[in-house]
Amino acid sequence: NAVTVVDSDPIAQAKKIDKAGLHALHVVDLDGAKSGLAANFKTIL
């Protein structure tokens, strides 16, 4: 209930991280953490 949107386009965000030269990324499916389903699988892919 205390959510702040960082980027409405997480794929663009990942591209920025990649372009900056970072070599690793940590992604969490918060919807999945509650439901037990891969709710954001397409985005993660």
PDB file of all heavy atoms in Angstrom:
ATOM      1  N   ASN A   1       0.817  -1.216   0.000  1.00  0.00           N
ATOM      2  CA  ASN A   1       0.000   0.000   0.000  1.00  0.00           C
ATOM      3  C   ASN A   1       0.849   1.262   0.000  1.00  0.00           C
ATOM      4  O   ASN A   1       0.318   2.372   0.038  1.00  0.00           O
ATOM      5  CB  ASN A   1      -0.934   0.011   1.213  1.00  0.00           C
ATOM      6  CG  ASN A   1      -1.961  -1.108   1.154  1.00  0.00           C
ATOM      7  OD1 ASN A   1      -2.550  -1.346   0.103  1.00  0.00           O
ATOM      8  ND2 ASN A   1      -2.151  -1.801   2.263  1.00  0.00           N
ATOM      9  N   ALA A   2       2.160   1.101  -0.011  1.00  0.00           N
ATOM     10  CA  ALA A   2       3.081   2.248  -0.048  1.00  0.00           C
ATOM     11  C   ALA A   2       3.973   2.104  -1.283  1.00  0.00           C
ATOM     12  O   ALA A   2       5.148   1.756  -1.196  1.00  0.00           O
ATOM     13  CB  ALA A   2       3.915   2.314   1.219  1.00  0.00           C
ATOM     14  N   VAL A   3       3.360   2.344  -2.454  1.00  0.00           N
ATOM     15  CA  VAL A   3       4.011   2.101  -3.738  1.00  0.00           C
ATOM     16  C   VAL A   3       4.417   3.421  -4.393  1.00  0.00           C
ATOM     17  O   VAL A   3       3.628   4.358  -4.457  1.00  0.00           O
ATOM     18  CB  VAL A   3       3.063   1.341  -4.695  1.00  0.00           C
ATOM     19  CG1 VAL A   3       3.731   1.094  -6.042  1.00  0.00           C
ATOM     20  CG2 VAL A   3       2.606   0.032  -4.077  1.00  0.00           C
ATOM     21  N   THR A   4       5.648   3.466  -4.889  1.00  0.00           N
ATOM     22  CA  THR A   4       6.113   4.587  -5.701  1.00  0.00           C
ATOM     23  C   THR A   4       6.539   4.048  -7.052  1.00  0.00           C
ATOM     24  O   THR A   4       7.349   3.117  -7.122  1.00  0.00           O
ATOM     25  CB  THR A   4       7.317   5.297  -5.047  1.00  0.00           C
ATOM     26  OG1 THR A   4       6.944   5.773  -3.754  1.00  0.00           O
ATOM     27  CG2 THR A   4       7.784   6.469  -5.897  1.00  0.00           C
ATOM     28  N   VAL A   5       5.983   4.603  -8.118  1.00  0.00           N
ATOM     29  CA  VAL A   5       6.375   4.167  -9.465  1.00  0.00           C
ATOM     30  C   VAL A   5       7.737   4.763  -9.796  1.00  0.00           C
ATOM     31  O   VAL A   5       7.941   5.978  -9.720  1.00  0.00           O
ATOM     32  CB  VAL A   5       5.327   4.586 -10.517  1.00  0.00           C
ATOM     33  CG1 VAL A   5       5.812   4.228 -11.926  1.00  0.00           C
ATOM     34  CG2 VAL A   5       3.993   3.914 -10.239  1.00  0.00           C
ATOM     35  N   VAL A   6       8.672   3.889 -10.156  1.00  0.00           N
ATOM     36  CA  VAL A   6      10.021   4.324 -10.539  1.00  0.00           C
ATOM     37  C   VAL A   6      10.091   4.564 -12.035  1.00  0.00           C
ATOM     38  O   VAL A   6      10.637   5.562 -12.497  1.00  0.00           O
ATOM     39  CB  VAL A   6      11.067   3.265 -10.124  1.00  0.00           C
ATOM     40  CG1 VAL A   6      12.448   3.631 -10.657  1.00  0.00           C
ATOM     41  CG2 VAL A   6      11.089   3.102  -8.617  1.00  0.00           C
ATOM     42  N   ASP A   7       9.515   3.638 -12.806  1.00  0.00           N
ATOM     43  CA  ASP A   7       9.532   3.751 -14.264  1.00  0.00           C
ATOM     44  C   ASP A   7       8.353   2.956 -14.813  1.00  0.00           C
ATOM     45  O   ASP A   7       8.202   1.776 -14.499  1.00  0.00           O
ATOM     46  CB  ASP A   7      10.850   3.200 -14.823  1.00  0.00           C
ATOM     47  CG  ASP A   7      11.139   3.676 -16.245  1.00  0.00           C
ATOM     48  OD1 ASP A   7      10.196   3.704 -17.060  1.00  0.00           O
ATOM     49  OD2 ASP A   7      12.300   4.014 -16.529  1.00  0.00           O
ATOM     50  N   SER A   8       7.534   3.597 -15.605  1.00  0.00           N
ATOM     51  CA  SER A   8       6.387   2.902 -16.190  1.00  0.00           C
ATOM     52  C   SER A   8       6.821   1.930 -17.278  1.00  0.00           C
ATOM     53  O   SER A   8       6.029   1.093 -17.716  1.00  0.00           O
ATOM     54  CB  SER A   8       5.389   3.914 -16.762  1.00  0.00           C
ATOM     55  OG  SER A   8       6.006   4.694 -17.780  1.00  0.00           O
ATOM     56  N   ASP A   9       8.087   2.025 -17.697  1.00  0.00           N
ATOM     57  CA  ASP A   9       8.630   1.149 -18.738  1.00  0.00           C
ATOM     58  C   ASP A   9       9.885   0.453 -18.203  1.00  0.00           C
ATOM     59  O   ASP A   9      11.012   0.923 -18.408  1.00  0.00           O
ATOM     60  CB  ASP A   9       8.967   1.965 -19.986  1.00  0.00           C
ATOM     61  CG  ASP A   9       9.391   1.091 -21.169  1.00  0.00           C
ATOM     62  OD1 ASP A   9       9.643  -0.110 -20.956  1.00  0.00           O
ATOM     63  OD2 ASP A   9       9.487   1.629 -22.291  1.00  0.00           O
ATOM     64  N   PRO A  10       9.730  -0.672 -17.493  1.00  0.00           N
ATOM     65  CA  PRO A  10      10.878  -1.356 -16.907  1.00  0.00           C
ATOM     66  C   PRO A  10      11.865  -1.900 -17.935  1.00  0.00           C
ATOM     67  O   PRO A  10      13.050  -2.079 -17.623  1.00  0.00           O
ATOM     68  CB  PRO A  10      10.249  -2.485 -16.094  1.00  0.00           C
ATOM     69  CG  PRO A  10       8.886  -2.665 -16.646  1.00  0.00           C
ATOM     70  CD  PRO A  10       8.461  -1.335 -17.152  1.00  0.00           C
ATOM     71  N   ILE A  11      11.407  -2.134 -19.149  1.00  0.00           N
ATOM     72  CA  ILE A  11      12.323  -2.608 -20.190  1.00  0.00           C
ATOM     73  C   ILE A  11      13.284  -1.487 -20.582  1.00  0.00           C
ATOM     74  O   ILE A  11      14.494  -1.698 -20.718  1.00  0.00           O
ATOM     75  CB  ILE A  11      11.533  -3.130 -21.408  1.00  0.00           C
ATOM     76  CG1 ILE A  11      10.719  -4.362 -20.995  1.00  0.00           C
ATOM     77  CG2 ILE A  11      12.456  -3.484 -22.557  1.00  0.00           C
ATOM     78  CD1 ILE A  11       9.407  -4.499 -21.645  1.00  0.00           C
ATOM     79  N   ALA A  12      12.755  -0.276 -20.710  1.00  0.00           N
ATOM     80  CA  ALA A  12      13.614   0.886 -20.981  1.00  0.00           C
ATOM     81  C   ALA A  12      14.581   1.118 -19.819  1.00  0.00           C
ATOM     82  O   ALA A  12      15.746   1.476 -20.027  1.00  0.00           O
ATOM     83  CB  ALA A  12      12.758   2.130 -21.218  1.00  0.00           C
ATOM     84  N   GLN A  13      14.093   0.885 -18.598  1.00  0.00           N
ATOM     85  CA  GLN A  13      14.949   1.024 -17.423  1.00  0.00           C
ATOM     86  C   GLN A  13      16.107   0.026 -17.475  1.00  0.00           C
ATOM     87  O   GLN A  13      17.259   0.373 -17.199  1.00  0.00           O
ATOM     88  CB  GLN A  13      14.124   0.812 -16.156  1.00  0.00           C
ATOM     89  CG  GLN A  13      14.895   1.036 -14.864  1.00  0.00           C
ATOM     90  CD  GLN A  13      14.048   0.708 -13.641  1.00  0.00           C
ATOM     91  OE1 GLN A  13      12.907   0.259 -13.746  1.00  0.00           O
ATOM     92  NE2 GLN A  13      14.610   0.933 -12.468  1.00  0.00           N
ATOM     93  N   ALA A  14      15.797  -1.214 -17.849  1.00  0.00           N
ATOM     94  CA  ALA A  14      16.843  -2.239 -17.967  1.00  0.00           C
ATOM     95  C   ALA A  14      17.865  -1.857 -19.044  1.00  0.00           C
ATOM     96  O   ALA A  14      19.069  -2.084 -18.879  1.00  0.00           O
ATOM     97  CB  ALA A  14      16.214  -3.588 -18.279  1.00  0.00           C
ATOM     98  N   LYS A  15      17.379  -1.285 -20.130  1.00  0.00           N
ATOM     99  CA  LYS A  15      18.284  -0.843 -21.200  1.00  0.00           C
ATOM    100  C   LYS A  15      19.239   0.240 -20.697  1.00  0.00           C
ATOM    101  O   LYS A  15      20.429   0.246 -21.052  1.00  0.00           O
ATOM    102  CB  LYS A  15      17.472  -0.315 -22.392  1.00  0.00           C
ATOM    103  CG  LYS A  15      16.753  -1.379 -23.196  1.00  0.00           C
ATOM    104  CD  LYS A  15      15.983  -0.734 -24.357  1.00  0.00           C
ATOM    105  CE  LYS A  15      15.259  -1.758 -25.199  1.00  0.00           C
ATOM    106  NZ  LYS A  15      14.493  -1.129 -26.310  1.00  0.00           N
ATOM    107  N   LYS A  16      18.735   1.160 -19.886  1.00  0.00           N
ATOM    108  CA  LYS A  16      19.580   2.219 -19.322  1.00  0.00           C
ATOM    109  C   LYS A  16      20.664   1.623 -18.429  1.00  0.00           C
ATOM    110  O   LYS A  16      21.823   2.049 -18.457  1.00  0.00           O
ATOM    111  CB  LYS A  16      18.722   3.199 -18.499  1.00  0.00           C
ATOM    112  CG  LYS A  16      17.784   4.063 -19.297  1.00  0.00           C
ATOM    113  CD  LYS A  16      16.912   4.896 -18.363  1.00  0.00           C
ATOM    114  CE  LYS A  16      15.756   5.549 -19.098  1.00  0.00           C
ATOM    115  NZ  LYS A  16      14.810   6.195 -18.155  1.00  0.00           N
ATOM    116  N   ILE A  17      20.272   0.641 -17.630  1.00  0.00           N
ATOM    117  CA  ILE A  17      21.230  -0.014 -16.736  1.00  0.00           C
ATOM    118  C   ILE A  17      22.301  -0.731 -17.556  1.00  0.00           C
ATOM    119  O   ILE A  17      23.506  -0.657 -17.259  1.00  0.00           O
ATOM    120  CB  ILE A  17      20.509  -0.991 -15.792  1.00  0.00           C
ATOM    121  CG1 ILE A  17      19.586  -0.215 -14.843  1.00  0.00           C
ATOM    122  CG2 ILE A  17      21.498  -1.835 -14.995  1.00  0.00           C
ATOM    123  CD1 ILE A  17      18.600  -1.075 -14.074  1.00  0.00           C
ATOM    124  N   ASP A  18      21.873  -1.380 -18.620  1.00  0.00           N
ATOM    125  CA  ASP A  18      22.800  -2.079 -19.508  1.00  0.00           C
ATOM    126  C   ASP A  18      23.752  -1.089 -20.185  1.00  0.00           C
ATOM    127  O   ASP A  18      24.973  -1.298 -20.225  1.00  0.00           O
ATOM    128  CB  ASP A  18      21.998  -2.850 -20.556  1.00  0.00           C
ATOM    129  CG  ASP A  18      22.811  -3.891 -21.299  1.00  0.00           C
ATOM    130  OD1 ASP A  18      23.424  -4.739 -20.634  1.00  0.00           O
ATOM    131  OD2 ASP A  18      22.838  -3.864 -22.539  1.00  0.00           O
ATOM    132  N   LYS A  19      23.208   0.000 -20.696  1.00  0.00           N
ATOM    133  CA  LYS A  19      24.006   1.007 -21.403  1.00  0.00           C
ATOM    134  C   LYS A  19      24.999   1.677 -20.469  1.00  0.00           C
ATOM    135  O   LYS A  19      26.097   2.078 -20.895  1.00  0.00           O
ATOM    136  CB  LYS A  19      23.075   2.056 -22.024  1.00  0.00           C
ATOM    137  CG  LYS A  19      23.783   3.046 -22.944  1.00  0.00           C
ATOM    138  CD  LYS A  19      22.793   3.992 -23.596  1.00  0.00           C
ATOM    139  CE  LYS A  19      23.520   4.979 -24.515  1.00  0.00           C
ATOM    140  NZ  LYS A  19      22.565   5.916 -25.178  1.00  0.00           N
ATOM    141  N   ALA A  20      24.649   1.787 -19.193  1.00  0.00           N
ATOM    142  CA  ALA A  20      25.535   2.425 -18.216  1.00  0.00           C
ATOM    143  C   ALA A  20      26.760   1.568 -17.914  1.00  0.00           C
ATOM    144  O   ALA A  20      27.725   2.050 -17.309  1.00  0.00           O
ATOM    145  CB  ALA A  20      24.779   2.717 -16.923  1.00  0.00           C
ATOM    146  N   GLY A  21      26.721   0.297 -18.319  1.00  0.00           N
ATOM    147  CA  GLY A  21      27.876  -0.571 -18.106  1.00  0.00           C
ATOM    148  C   GLY A  21      27.779  -1.460 -16.891  1.00  0.00           C
ATOM    149  O   GLY A  21      28.776  -2.067 -16.482  1.00  0.00           O
ATOM    150  N   LEU A  22      26.584  -1.563 -16.306  1.00  0.00           N
ATOM    151  CA  LEU A  22      26.398  -2.474 -15.170  1.00  0.00           C
ATOM    152  C   LEU A  22      26.259  -3.899 -15.708  1.00  0.00           C
ATOM    153  O   LEU A  22      25.647  -4.124 -16.756  1.00  0.00           O
ATOM    154  CB  LEU A  22      25.160  -2.087 -14.372  1.00  0.00           C
ATOM    155  CG  LEU A  22      25.319  -1.010 -13.281  1.00  0.00           C
ATOM    156  CD1 LEU A  22      26.263  -1.471 -12.179  1.00  0.00           C
ATOM    157  CD2 LEU A  22      25.801   0.313 -13.843  1.00  0.00           C
ATOM    158  N   HIS A  23      26.808  -4.851 -14.979  1.00  0.00           N
ATOM    159  CA  HIS A  23      26.894  -6.218 -15.489  1.00  0.00           C
ATOM    160  C   HIS A  23      25.915  -7.180 -14.841  1.00  0.00           C
ATOM    161  O   HIS A  23      25.940  -8.382 -15.141  1.00  0.00           O
ATOM    162  CB  HIS A  23      28.316  -6.740 -15.308  1.00  0.00           C
ATOM    163  CG  HIS A  23      29.366  -5.858 -15.914  1.00  0.00           C
ATOM    164  ND1 HIS A  23      29.389  -5.565 -17.256  1.00  0.00           N
ATOM    165  CD2 HIS A  23      30.406  -5.172 -15.355  1.00  0.00           C
ATOM    166  CE1 HIS A  23      30.416  -4.761 -17.511  1.00  0.00           C
ATOM    167  NE2 HIS A  23      31.027  -4.514 -16.379  1.00  0.00           N
ATOM    168  N   ALA A  24      25.053  -6.679 -13.946  1.00  0.00           N
ATOM    169  CA  ALA A  24      24.122  -7.570 -13.254  1.00  0.00           C
ATOM    170  C   ALA A  24      22.839  -6.820 -12.934  1.00  0.00           C
ATOM    171  O   ALA A  24      22.838  -5.599 -12.787  1.00  0.00           O
ATOM    172  CB  ALA A  24      24.757  -8.130 -11.979  1.00  0.00           C
ATOM    173  N   LEU A  25      21.741  -7.573 -12.810  1.00  0.00           N
ATOM    174  CA  LEU A  25      20.434  -6.973 -12.555  1.00  0.00           C
ATOM    175  C   LEU A  25      19.603  -7.923 -11.690  1.00  0.00           C
ATOM    176  O   LEU A  25      19.611  -9.136 -11.897  1.00  0.00           O
ATOM    177  CB  LEU A  25      19.731  -6.724 -13.891  1.00  0.00           C
ATOM    178  CG  LEU A  25      18.386  -5.986 -13.893  1.00  0.00           C
ATOM    179  CD1 LEU A  25      18.507  -4.616 -13.252  1.00  0.00           C
ATOM    180  CD2 LEU A  25      17.872  -5.855 -15.332  1.00  0.00           C
ATOM    181  N   HIS A  26      18.905  -7.331 -10.721  1.00  0.00           N
ATOM    182  CA  HIS A  26      18.069  -8.067  -9.773  1.00  0.00           C
ATOM    183  C   HIS A  26      16.621  -7.672 -10.037  1.00  0.00           C
ATOM    184  O   HIS A  26      16.254  -6.504  -9.924  1.00  0.00           O
ATOM    185  CB  HIS A  26      18.483  -7.689  -8.347  1.00  0.00           C
ATOM    186  CG  HIS A  26      17.593  -8.210  -7.265  1.00  0.00           C
ATOM    187  ND1 HIS A  26      17.736  -9.458  -6.715  1.00  0.00           N
ATOM    188  CD2 HIS A  26      16.555  -7.623  -6.597  1.00  0.00           C
ATOM    189  CE1 HIS A  26      16.840  -9.630  -5.757  1.00  0.00           C
ATOM    190  NE2 HIS A  26      16.103  -8.537  -5.680  1.00  0.00           N
ATOM    191  N   VAL A  27      15.785  -8.653 -10.421  1.00  0.00           N
ATOM    192  CA  VAL A  27      14.386  -8.371 -10.749  1.00  0.00           C
ATOM    193  C   VAL A  27      13.475  -9.172  -9.828  1.00  0.00           C
ATOM    194  O   VAL A  27      13.688 -10.373  -9.623  1.00  0.00           O
ATOM    195  CB  VAL A  27      14.086  -8.721 -12.226  1.00  0.00           C
ATOM    196  CG1 VAL A  27      12.600  -8.552 -12.528  1.00  0.00           C
ATOM    197  CG2 VAL A  27      14.917  -7.849 -13.164  1.00  0.00           C
ATOM    198  N   VAL A  28      12.453  -8.499  -9.290  1.00  0.00           N
ATOM    199  CA  VAL A  28      11.481  -9.169  -8.415  1.00  0.00           C
ATOM    200  C   VAL A  28      10.077  -8.966  -8.978  1.00  0.00           C
ATOM    201  O   VAL A  28       9.683  -7.844  -9.303  1.00  0.00           O
ATOM    202  CB  VAL A  28      11.543  -8.611  -6.972  1.00  0.00           C
ATOM    203  CG1 VAL A  28      10.450  -9.252  -6.114  1.00  0.00           C
ATOM    204  CG2 VAL A  28      12.912  -8.866  -6.359  1.00  0.00           C
ATOM    205  N   ASP A  29       9.348 -10.058  -9.083  1.00  0.00           N
ATOM    206  CA  ASP A  29       7.941 -10.030  -9.490  1.00  0.00           C
ATOM    207  C   ASP A  29       7.098  -9.894  -8.220  1.00  0.00           C
ATOM    208  O   ASP A  29       6.800 -10.879  -7.544  1.00  0.00           O
ATOM    209  CB  ASP A  29       7.603 -11.316 -10.240  1.00  0.00           C
ATOM    210  CG  ASP A  29       6.170 -11.349 -10.767  1.00  0.00           C
ATOM    211  OD1 ASP A  29       5.356 -10.505 -10.330  1.00  0.00           O
ATOM    212  OD2 ASP A  29       5.870 -12.221 -11.602  1.00  0.00           O
ATOM    213  N   LEU A  30       6.724  -8.668  -7.884  1.00  0.00           N
ATOM    214  CA  LEU A  30       5.969  -8.429  -6.646  1.00  0.00           C
ATOM    215  C   LEU A  30       4.560  -9.017  -6.722  1.00  0.00           C
ATOM    216  O   LEU A  30       4.028  -9.478  -5.711  1.00  0.00           O
ATOM    217  CB  LEU A  30       5.902  -6.926  -6.354  1.00  0.00           C
ATOM    218  CG  LEU A  30       7.231  -6.256  -5.974  1.00  0.00           C
ATOM    219  CD1 LEU A  30       7.050  -4.747  -5.884  1.00  0.00           C
ATOM    220  CD2 LEU A  30       7.759  -6.801  -4.655  1.00  0.00           C
ATOM    221  N   ASP A  31       3.962  -8.987  -7.902  1.00  0.00           N
ATOM    222  CA  ASP A  31       2.654  -9.634  -8.059  1.00  0.00           C
ATOM    223  C   ASP A  31       2.791 -11.131  -7.790  1.00  0.00           C
ATOM    224  O   ASP A  31       1.963 -11.743  -7.109  1.00  0.00           O
ATOM    225  CB  ASP A  31       2.116  -9.420  -9.481  1.00  0.00           C
ATOM    226  CG  ASP A  31       1.845  -7.959  -9.792  1.00  0.00           C
ATOM    227  OD1 ASP A  31       0.934  -7.387  -9.173  1.00  0.00           O
ATOM    228  OD2 ASP A  31       2.554  -7.405 -10.636  1.00  0.00           O
ATOM    229  N   GLY A  32       3.857 -11.714  -8.318  1.00  0.00           N
ATOM    230  CA  GLY A  32       4.114 -13.131  -8.117  1.00  0.00           C
ATOM    231  C   GLY A  32       4.365 -13.493  -6.670  1.00  0.00           C
ATOM    232  O   GLY A  32       3.977 -14.573  -6.208  1.00  0.00           O
ATOM    233  N   ALA A  33       5.016 -12.579  -5.943  1.00  0.00           N
ATOM    234  CA  ALA A  33       5.306 -12.846  -4.532  1.00  0.00           C
ATOM    235  C   ALA A  33       4.026 -13.045  -3.735  1.00  0.00           C
ATOM    236  O   ALA A  33       3.997 -13.813  -2.766  1.00  0.00           O
ATOM    237  CB  ALA A  33       6.117 -11.693  -3.939  1.00  0.00           C
ATOM    238  N   LYS A  34       2.952 -12.386  -4.154  1.00  0.00           N
ATOM    239  CA  LYS A  34       1.668 -12.545  -3.470  1.00  0.00           C
ATOM    240  C   LYS A  34       0.865 -13.717  -4.023  1.00  0.00           C
ATOM    241  O   LYS A  34       0.240 -14.458  -3.266  1.00  0.00           O
ATOM    242  CB  LYS A  34       0.837 -11.254  -3.599  1.00  0.00           C
ATOM    243  CG  LYS A  34       1.312 -10.119  -2.711  1.00  0.00           C
ATOM    244  CD  LYS A  34       0.205  -9.132  -2.403  1.00  0.00           C
ATOM    245  CE  LYS A  34      -0.292  -8.404  -3.624  1.00  0.00           C
ATOM    246  NZ  LYS A  34      -1.294  -7.361  -3.254  1.00  0.00           N
ATOM    247  N   SER A  35       0.912 -13.899  -5.335  1.00  0.00           N
ATOM    248  CA  SER A  35       0.025 -14.876  -5.975  1.00  0.00           C
ATOM    249  C   SER A  35       0.651 -16.254  -6.163  1.00  0.00           C
ATOM    250  O   SER A  35      -0.068 -17.251  -6.302  1.00  0.00           O
ATOM    251  CB  SER A  35      -0.409 -14.349  -7.350  1.00  0.00           C
ATOM    252  OG  SER A  35       0.683 -14.337  -8.254  1.00  0.00           O
ATOM    253  N   GLY A  36       1.993 -16.315  -6.179  1.00  0.00           N
ATOM    254  CA  GLY A  36       2.656 -17.575  -6.466  1.00  0.00           C
ATOM    255  C   GLY A  36       2.664 -17.911  -7.951  1.00  0.00           C
ATOM    256  O   GLY A  36       3.017 -19.015  -8.349  1.00  0.00           O
ATOM    257  N   LEU A  37       2.302 -16.947  -8.796  1.00  0.00           N
ATOM    258  CA  LEU A  37       2.285 -17.123 -10.240  1.00  0.00           C
ATOM    259  C   LEU A  37       3.319 -16.193 -10.879  1.00  0.00           C
ATOM    260  O   LEU A  37       3.652 -15.155 -10.318  1.00  0.00           O
ATOM    261  CB  LEU A  37       0.897 -16.800 -10.809  1.00  0.00           C
ATOM    262  CG  LEU A  37      -0.275 -17.591 -10.218  1.00  0.00           C
ATOM    263  CD1 LEU A  37      -1.597 -17.031 -10.737  1.00  0.00           C
ATOM    264  CD2 LEU A  37      -0.144 -19.072 -10.554  1.00  0.00           C
ATOM    265  N   ALA A  38       3.792 -16.559 -12.058  1.00  0.00           N
ATOM    266  CA  ALA A  38       4.759 -15.715 -12.766  1.00  0.00           C
ATOM    267  C   ALA A  38       4.001 -14.601 -13.486  1.00  0.00           C
ATOM    268  O   ALA A  38       3.909 -14.547 -14.716  1.00  0.00           O
ATOM    269  CB  ALA A  38       5.570 -16.553 -13.746  1.00  0.00           C
ATOM    270  N   ALA A  39       3.479 -13.685 -12.701  1.00  0.00           N
ATOM    271  CA  ALA A  39       2.548 -12.675 -13.212  1.00  0.00           C
ATOM    272  C   ALA A  39       3.194 -11.723 -14.213  1.00  0.00           C
ATOM    273  O   ALA A  39       2.530 -11.239 -15.130  1.00  0.00           O
ATOM    274  CB  ALA A  39       1.966 -11.882 -12.038  1.00  0.00           C
ATOM    275  N   ASN A  40       4.472 -11.445 -14.036  1.00  0.00           N
ATOM    276  CA  ASN A  40       5.167 -10.493 -14.913  1.00  0.00           C
ATOM    277  C   ASN A  40       6.169 -11.192 -15.825  1.00  0.00           C
ATOM    278  O   ASN A  40       7.175 -10.594 -16.225  1.00  0.00           O
ATOM    279  CB  ASN A  40       5.870  -9.433 -14.064  1.00  0.00           C
ATOM    280  CG  ASN A  40       4.898  -8.452 -13.434  1.00  0.00           C
ATOM    281  OD1 ASN A  40       4.373  -7.564 -14.105  1.00  0.00           O
ATOM    282  ND2 ASN A  40       4.638  -8.621 -12.143  1.00  0.00           N
ATOM    283  N   PHE A  41       5.891 -12.446 -16.165  1.00  0.00           N
ATOM    284  CA  PHE A  41       6.860 -13.229 -16.938  1.00  0.00           C
ATOM    285  C   PHE A  41       7.186 -12.581 -18.286  1.00  0.00           C
ATOM    286  O   PHE A  41       8.347 -12.537 -18.701  1.00  0.00           O
ATOM    287  CB  PHE A  41       6.357 -14.658 -17.157  1.00  0.00           C
ATOM    288  CG  PHE A  41       7.336 -15.512 -17.927  1.00  0.00           C
ATOM    289  CD1 PHE A  41       8.464 -16.017 -17.304  1.00  0.00           C
ATOM    290  CD2 PHE A  41       7.131 -15.777 -19.276  1.00  0.00           C
ATOM    291  CE1 PHE A  41       9.377 -16.794 -18.013  1.00  0.00           C
ATOM    292  CE2 PHE A  41       8.042 -16.553 -19.987  1.00  0.00           C
ATOM    293  CZ  PHE A  41       9.163 -17.057 -19.351  1.00  0.00           C
ATOM    294  N   LYS A  42       6.175 -12.071 -18.985  1.00  0.00           N
ATOM    295  CA  LYS A  42       6.422 -11.473 -20.310  1.00  0.00           C
ATOM    296  C   LYS A  42       7.357 -10.267 -20.195  1.00  0.00           C
ATOM    297  O   LYS A  42       8.248 -10.071 -21.033  1.00  0.00           O
ATOM    298  CB  LYS A  42       5.099 -11.074 -20.960  1.00  0.00           C
ATOM    299  CG  LYS A  42       4.272 -12.248 -21.443  1.00  0.00           C
ATOM    300  CD  LYS A  42       3.013 -11.786 -22.162  1.00  0.00           C
ATOM    301  CE  LYS A  42       2.198 -12.981 -22.663  1.00  0.00           C
ATOM    302  NZ  LYS A  42       0.956 -12.546 -23.339  1.00  0.00           N
ATOM    303  N   THR A  43       7.147  -9.470 -19.149  1.00  0.00           N
ATOM    304  CA  THR A  43       8.017  -8.312 -18.933  1.00  0.00           C
ATOM    305  C   THR A  43       9.437  -8.763 -18.607  1.00  0.00           C
ATOM    306  O   THR A  43      10.417  -8.206 -19.120  1.00  0.00           O
ATOM    307  CB  THR A  43       7.466  -7.434 -17.790  1.00  0.00           C
ATOM    308  OG1 THR A  43       6.154  -6.997 -18.133  1.00  0.00           O
ATOM    309  CG2 THR A  43       8.350  -6.218 -17.574  1.00  0.00           C
ATOM    310  N   ILE A  44       9.548  -9.791 -17.777  1.00  0.00           N
ATOM    311  CA  ILE A  44      10.864 -10.311 -17.410  1.00  0.00           C
ATOM    312  C   ILE A  44      11.571 -10.886 -18.637  1.00  0.00           C
ATOM    313  O   ILE A  44      12.784 -10.693 -18.821  1.00  0.00           O
ATOM    314  CB  ILE A  44      10.739 -11.362 -16.289  1.00  0.00           C
ATOM    315  CG1 ILE A  44      10.291 -10.679 -14.994  1.00  0.00           C
ATOM    316  CG2 ILE A  44      12.059 -12.099 -16.070  1.00  0.00           C
ATOM    317  CD1 ILE A  44       9.862 -11.630 -13.905  1.00  0.00           C
ATOM    318  N   LEU A  45      10.830 -11.555 -19.486  1.00  0.00           N
ATOM    319  CA  LEU A  45      11.401 -12.101 -20.716  1.00  0.00           C
ATOM    320  C   LEU A  45      11.931 -10.965 -21.610  1.00  0.00           C
ATOM    321  O   LEU A  45      13.030 -11.073 -22.190  1.00  0.00           O
ATOM    322  CB  LEU A  45      10.350 -12.913 -21.467  1.00  0.00           C
ATOM    323  CG  LEU A  45      10.813 -13.680 -22.712  1.00  0.00           C
ATOM    324  CD1 LEU A  45      11.911 -14.679 -22.365  1.00  0.00           C
ATOM    325  CD2 LEU A  45       9.637 -14.402 -23.358  1.00  0.00           C
TER     326      LEU A  45
END
